[in-house]
Protein backbone atom coordinates (compact mmCIF):
# COMPACT_ATOMS: atom_id res chain seq x y z
CA MET A 1 0.00 0.00 0.00
CA GLY A 2 1.33 3.38 -0.94
CA GLU A 3 2.09 6.01 1.68
CA ARG A 4 0.25 9.26 1.82
CA GLN A 5 2.64 11.98 0.72
CA GLY A 6 0.87 15.08 2.01
CA ALA A 7 -0.59 16.10 -1.36
CA ILE A 8 -3.73 14.50 -2.74
CA HIS A 9 -2.93 12.48 -5.85
CA ALA A 10 -5.21 11.38 -8.66
CA ILE A 11 -6.12 7.71 -8.39
CA GLY A 12 -5.23 7.30 -12.04
CA PRO A 13 -5.51 9.06 -15.41
CA ASN A 14 -8.63 11.18 -15.80
CA TRP A 15 -10.14 8.77 -18.32
CA VAL A 16 -10.72 6.10 -15.64
CA TRP A 17 -13.67 8.16 -14.42
CA CYS A 18 -15.30 7.52 -17.81
CA ILE A 19 -15.07 3.72 -17.56
CA PRO A 20 -18.48 3.41 -15.81
CA LEU A 21 -20.09 4.99 -18.86
CA LEU A 22 -19.50 1.73 -20.77
CA PRO A 23 -21.80 -0.48 -18.65
CA LEU A 24 -24.29 2.40 -18.49
CA ALA A 25 -24.33 2.59 -22.29
CA LEU A 26 -24.89 -1.16 -22.49
CA THR A 27 -27.69 -0.84 -19.94
CA ALA A 28 -29.40 1.80 -22.07
CA ALA A 29 -28.98 -0.29 -25.24
CA ILE A 30 -30.48 -3.42 -23.67
CA TYR A 31 -33.41 -1.52 -22.21
CA ALA A 32 -34.12 0.56 -25.32
CA GLY A 33 -33.82 -2.51 -27.53
CA GLY A 34 -36.31 -4.49 -25.47
CA PHE A 35 -33.76 -7.17 -24.57
CA GLN A 36 -34.23 -6.99 -20.80
CA THR A 37 -36.13 -10.28 -20.47
CA ALA A 38 -34.18 -12.13 -23.16
CA THR A 39 -30.78 -11.33 -21.65
CA PHE A 40 -31.97 -12.28 -18.18
CA LEU A 41 -33.42 -15.62 -19.26
CA PHE A 42 -30.34 -16.45 -21.35
CA ILE A 43 -27.97 -15.97 -18.41
CA ASN A 44 -30.33 -17.41 -15.81
CA THR A 45 -30.72 -20.61 -17.84
CA PHE A 46 -26.99 -21.32 -17.81
CA THR A 47 -26.35 -20.30 -14.21
CA GLN A 48 -28.73 -22.95 -12.90
CA TYR A 49 -26.17 -25.62 -13.80
CA VAL A 50 -23.90 -24.26 -11.09
CA PRO A 51 -24.69 -25.45 -7.51
CA ASP A 52 -27.03 -23.13 -5.61
CA THR A 53 -24.51 -22.81 -2.78
CA ILE A 54 -21.97 -21.20 -5.11
CA TRP A 55 -24.38 -18.46 -6.18
CA ALA A 56 -25.58 -17.98 -2.60
CA TRP A 57 -22.04 -17.53 -1.31
CA LEU A 58 -21.16 -15.15 -4.13
CA THR A 59 -24.26 -13.12 -3.31
CA PHE A 60 -23.00 -12.97 0.29
CA LEU A 61 -19.93 -11.11 -0.99
CA GLY A 62 -22.23 -8.32 -2.14
CA ASN A 63 -24.00 -8.05 1.19
CA GLY A 64 -22.74 -5.11 3.24
CA TRP A 65 -22.07 -7.08 6.41
CA GLY A 66 -20.68 -9.99 4.44
CA ILE A 67 -18.06 -8.09 2.49
CA PHE A 68 -17.18 -6.04 5.59
CA ALA A 69 -16.47 -9.27 7.45
CA ILE A 70 -14.32 -10.68 4.65
CA CYS A 71 -12.29 -7.46 4.49
CA PHE A 72 -12.12 -6.96 8.26
CA PRO A 73 -8.59 -8.43 8.71
CA LEU A 74 -7.33 -5.43 6.72
CA LEU A 75 -7.81 -3.52 9.97
CA LEU A 76 -4.55 -5.14 11.11
CA PHE A 77 -2.58 -5.22 7.86
CA ALA A 78 -3.85 -2.40 5.63
CA PRO A 79 -6.17 -0.03 7.50
CA ARG A 80 -6.08 2.54 4.70
CA LEU A 81 -7.47 0.01 2.23
CA LEU A 82 -10.21 -0.97 4.67
CA THR A 83 -11.04 2.67 5.28
CA ALA A 84 -11.29 3.32 1.54
CA GLY A 85 -13.66 0.37 1.31
CA ILE A 86 -15.80 1.69 4.17
CA ILE A 87 -16.06 5.13 2.57
CA ALA A 88 -16.98 3.53 -0.75
CA GLY A 89 -19.49 1.32 1.03
CA VAL A 90 -21.21 4.35 2.55
CA PHE A 91 -21.46 5.99 -0.87
CA SER A 92 -22.78 2.76 -2.38
CA ALA A 93 -25.46 2.40 0.30
CA ILE A 94 -26.67 5.97 -0.19
CA THR A 95 -26.60 5.62 -3.98
CA SER A 96 -28.49 2.34 -3.85
CA VAL A 97 -31.26 3.73 -1.64
CA ILE A 98 -31.71 6.84 -3.78
CA LEU A 99 -31.75 5.04 -7.14
CA LYS A 100 -33.93 2.15 -6.00
CA SER A 101 -36.48 4.60 -4.59
CA THR A 102 -36.31 6.76 -7.70
CA PHE A 103 -36.83 4.01 -10.27
CA ASP A 104 -38.75 1.47 -8.12
CA SER A 105 -38.62 -0.92 -11.07
CA PRO A 106 -40.07 -4.46 -10.98
CA ARG A 107 -37.85 -7.50 -10.57
CA PRO A 108 -38.10 -10.67 -12.69
CA ALA A 109 -40.40 -12.41 -10.18
CA SER A 110 -42.83 -9.49 -10.50
CA ILE A 111 -43.16 -9.83 -14.28
CA LEU A 112 -42.27 -13.37 -15.32
CA SER A 113 -44.50 -16.31 -14.47
CA GLU A 114 -43.56 -18.75 -11.73
CA GLY A 115 -41.43 -21.57 -13.13
CA SER A 116 -40.35 -19.67 -16.24
CA PHE A 117 -36.94 -18.94 -14.73
CA TYR A 118 -34.68 -20.38 -12.03
CA ARG A 119 -34.89 -18.77 -8.62
CA ILE A 120 -33.14 -19.42 -5.32
CA GLY A 121 -34.85 -18.16 -2.17
CA GLU A 122 -37.99 -16.14 -1.69
CA PRO A 123 -39.26 -14.04 -4.63
CA LEU A 124 -38.28 -10.36 -4.61
CA LEU A 125 -40.67 -8.09 -6.48
CA LEU A 126 -39.67 -4.41 -6.48
CA LYS A 127 -36.75 -1.96 -6.33
CA ALA A 128 -34.75 -3.78 -8.98
CA PHE A 129 -32.52 -1.02 -10.37
CA PRO A 130 -29.69 -1.00 -9.60
CA SER A 131 -28.50 -4.25 -8.04
CA GLY A 132 -27.38 -3.22 -4.57
CA HIS A 133 -25.17 -6.28 -4.14
CA THR A 134 -23.37 -5.59 -7.42
CA LEU A 135 -23.03 -1.91 -6.56
CA THR A 136 -21.49 -2.76 -3.19
CA ALA A 137 -19.15 -5.41 -4.59
CA PHE A 138 -17.78 -3.12 -7.30
CA ALA A 139 -17.53 -0.16 -4.92
CA ILE A 140 -15.36 -2.14 -2.51
CA ALA A 141 -13.33 -3.77 -5.29
CA THR A 142 -12.63 -0.40 -6.91
CA ALA A 143 -11.73 1.26 -3.61
CA LEU A 144 -9.28 -1.52 -2.75
CA TYR A 145 -7.75 -1.48 -6.22
CA PHE A 146 -7.15 2.26 -6.45
CA SER A 147 -5.96 2.52 -2.84
CA CYS A 148 -3.07 0.19 -3.58
CA ALA A 149 0.29 1.39 -4.83
CA LYS A 150 0.34 1.31 -8.63
CA GLU A 151 2.96 -1.43 -8.70
CA SER A 152 0.65 -3.67 -6.62
CA ARG A 153 -2.48 -3.24 -8.70
CA ARG A 154 -2.01 -6.02 -11.25
CA PRO A 155 -2.81 -8.91 -8.85
CA MET A 156 -5.62 -6.80 -7.39
CA LEU A 157 -7.50 -7.13 -10.69
CA LEU A 158 -8.83 -10.35 -9.18
CA VAL A 159 -11.22 -8.29 -7.03
CA PHE A 160 -13.02 -7.11 -10.17
CA PHE A 161 -13.41 -10.71 -11.31
CA MET A 162 -15.00 -11.55 -7.96
CA ALA A 163 -17.26 -8.48 -8.15
CA THR A 164 -18.39 -9.61 -11.61
CA LEU A 165 -19.28 -13.03 -10.20
CA VAL A 166 -21.30 -11.31 -7.47
CA GLY A 167 -23.25 -9.49 -10.17
CA LEU A 168 -23.75 -12.72 -12.09
CA SER A 169 -25.01 -14.39 -8.92
CA ARG A 170 -27.85 -11.87 -8.71
CA ILE A 171 -29.10 -13.12 -12.06
CA GLY A 172 -28.38 -16.70 -11.04
CA VAL A 173 -30.61 -16.47 -7.98
CA GLY A 174 -33.32 -14.82 -10.08
CA ALA A 175 -33.28 -11.49 -8.22
CA HIS A 176 -32.14 -9.02 -10.90
CA TRP A 177 -32.14 -8.25 -14.59
CA LEU A 178 -28.86 -7.83 -16.46
CA ILE A 179 -29.48 -4.08 -16.68
CA ASP A 180 -29.69 -3.93 -12.87
CA VAL A 181 -26.31 -5.61 -12.61
CA LEU A 182 -24.72 -3.34 -15.21
CA GLY A 183 -26.18 -0.27 -13.51
CA GLY A 184 -24.84 -1.47 -10.18
CA MET A 185 -21.43 -2.05 -11.74
CA ALA A 186 -21.27 1.49 -13.12
CA CYS A 187 -22.37 3.19 -9.89
CA GLY A 188 -20.10 0.92 -7.86
CA LEU A 189 -17.08 1.91 -9.90
CA TRP A 190 -17.75 5.60 -9.25
CA CYS A 191 -18.36 5.04 -5.53
CA GLY A 192 -15.14 3.07 -5.25
CA MET A 193 -13.12 5.76 -7.00
CA LEU A 194 -14.52 8.35 -4.60
CA GLY A 195 -13.58 6.15 -1.66
CA ALA A 196 -10.02 5.75 -2.92
CA LEU A 197 -9.74 9.49 -3.55
CA LEU A 198 -11.15 10.65 -0.21
CA VAL A 199 -9.15 8.21 1.92
CA GLN A 200 -6.03 10.16 0.97
CA PHE A 201 -7.23 12.99 3.22
CA ILE A 202 -6.76 10.80 6.30
CA PRO A 203 -3.23 11.09 7.76
CA LYS A 204 -1.34 7.85 8.28
CA ASN A 205 -0.96 8.46 12.02
CA GLN A 206 -4.74 8.44 12.40
CA LEU A 207 -4.99 4.85 11.16
CA THR A 208 -2.89 3.19 13.86
CA PRO A 209 -4.57 0.64 16.20
CA THR A 210 -4.69 3.03 19.16
CA LYS A 211 -6.47 5.86 17.31
CA ILE A 212 -10.19 6.50 17.57
CA TRP A 213 -10.96 5.65 13.93
CA SER A 214 -9.48 2.16 14.18
CA ARG A 215 -11.43 1.58 17.38
CA ILE A 216 -14.65 2.69 15.69
CA ILE A 217 -14.01 0.16 12.93
CA ALA A 218 -13.37 -2.49 15.58
CA LEU A 219 -16.71 -1.62 17.18
CA GLY A 220 -18.29 -2.00 13.77
CA GLY A 221 -16.80 -5.47 13.68
CA VAL A 222 -18.67 -6.32 16.88
CA PHE A 223 -21.97 -5.22 15.32
CA ALA A 224 -21.15 -7.16 12.15
CA MET A 225 -20.43 -10.29 14.15
CA TYR A 226 -23.73 -9.95 16.01
CA SER A 227 -25.63 -9.51 12.73
CA LEU A 228 -23.90 -12.47 11.12
CA LEU A 229 -24.79 -14.72 14.05
CA THR A 230 -28.40 -13.59 14.51
CA GLN A 231 -29.68 -12.84 10.99
CA THR A 232 -29.92 -14.63 7.68
CA MET A 233 -27.99 -12.72 5.03
CA ASP A 234 -30.06 -13.08 1.85
CA LEU A 235 -30.27 -16.89 1.78
CA VAL A 236 -30.29 -19.74 4.31
CA LEU A 237 -27.50 -21.35 2.29
CA ASN A 238 -25.25 -18.55 3.53
CA LEU A 239 -25.44 -19.51 7.20
CA PRO A 240 -22.21 -21.59 7.24
CA LEU A 241 -20.36 -18.74 5.54
CA GLN A 242 -21.87 -16.27 8.00
CA TYR A 243 -20.57 -18.26 10.96
CA ALA A 244 -17.13 -18.59 9.37
CA SER A 245 -17.08 -14.83 8.73
CA ALA A 246 -18.07 -14.10 12.32
CA PHE A 247 -15.18 -16.31 13.46
CA LEU A 248 -12.82 -14.36 11.19
CA ILE A 249 -13.96 -11.11 12.80
CA ALA A 250 -13.50 -12.59 16.27
CA ILE A 251 -9.89 -13.59 15.53
CA THR A 252 -9.16 -10.15 14.09
CA LEU A 253 -10.68 -8.43 17.11
CA ALA A 254 -8.59 -10.58 19.44
CA LEU A 255 -5.39 -9.58 17.66
CA PHE A 256 -6.53 -5.95 17.52
CA THR A 257 -7.15 -5.98 21.27
CA LYS A 258 -3.71 -7.46 21.85
CA ASN A 259 -2.22 -4.57 19.85
CA GLN A 260 -3.94 -2.12 22.18
CA PHE A 261 -1.98 -3.46 25.14
CA ILE A 262 1.28 -3.68 23.19
CA LYS A 263 1.01 -0.04 22.15
CA SER A 264 0.21 1.11 25.63
CA GLU A 265 3.27 -0.48 27.24
């Protein structure tokens, strides 16, 4: 992870901010061309050959608590990356609420007849656009990618592959149209870039384990662990992954607490 050098640097060339326009353009083309149902059914038909658990677990990576838990160990090893992800996550949550309320578009289960497509879990009917899980996944992936030093970014491209699978899972479980996923991808990219840009304003000495911000994140980990152990995140199939994620948070918190005593000696 690159050090903050006092000045605020661009996360990349200016043209990267235009990348989200590509999935948005494809979204418009699919919708205007009347291919919304056809593209959904085409993808949904093939995804059903993959075990339900795979799609459920991928969907978990787009859930706010889920992806926070998976990234939580960064609190110990790369707090700036985790902070960028949190900022991006806040932007993604706000963006998702605003757009879903604005468009309030119907989901596949609201339009297509029962049995005409493959669905995992209970039917969801409204607030389709954009896919919140896809938006969150791409926001976090983008924030992590652009918060890394440039020489470390090549292997980090894997996070975009995982975010794409999260988006695909939303079609696989029958919850979203392709245009919802593409819209979520575009908005997520912008939210992630903002997160990576704004995290540069936080001085390095404010991200150490004994500072208030790190302790707030740790407290968030406690709430995340409680939610993971007491709620069902999207699908019942996710419960084993929820428990494993809660255990990951618990280990991280134990090490974080140990650091508190080490720093105070």
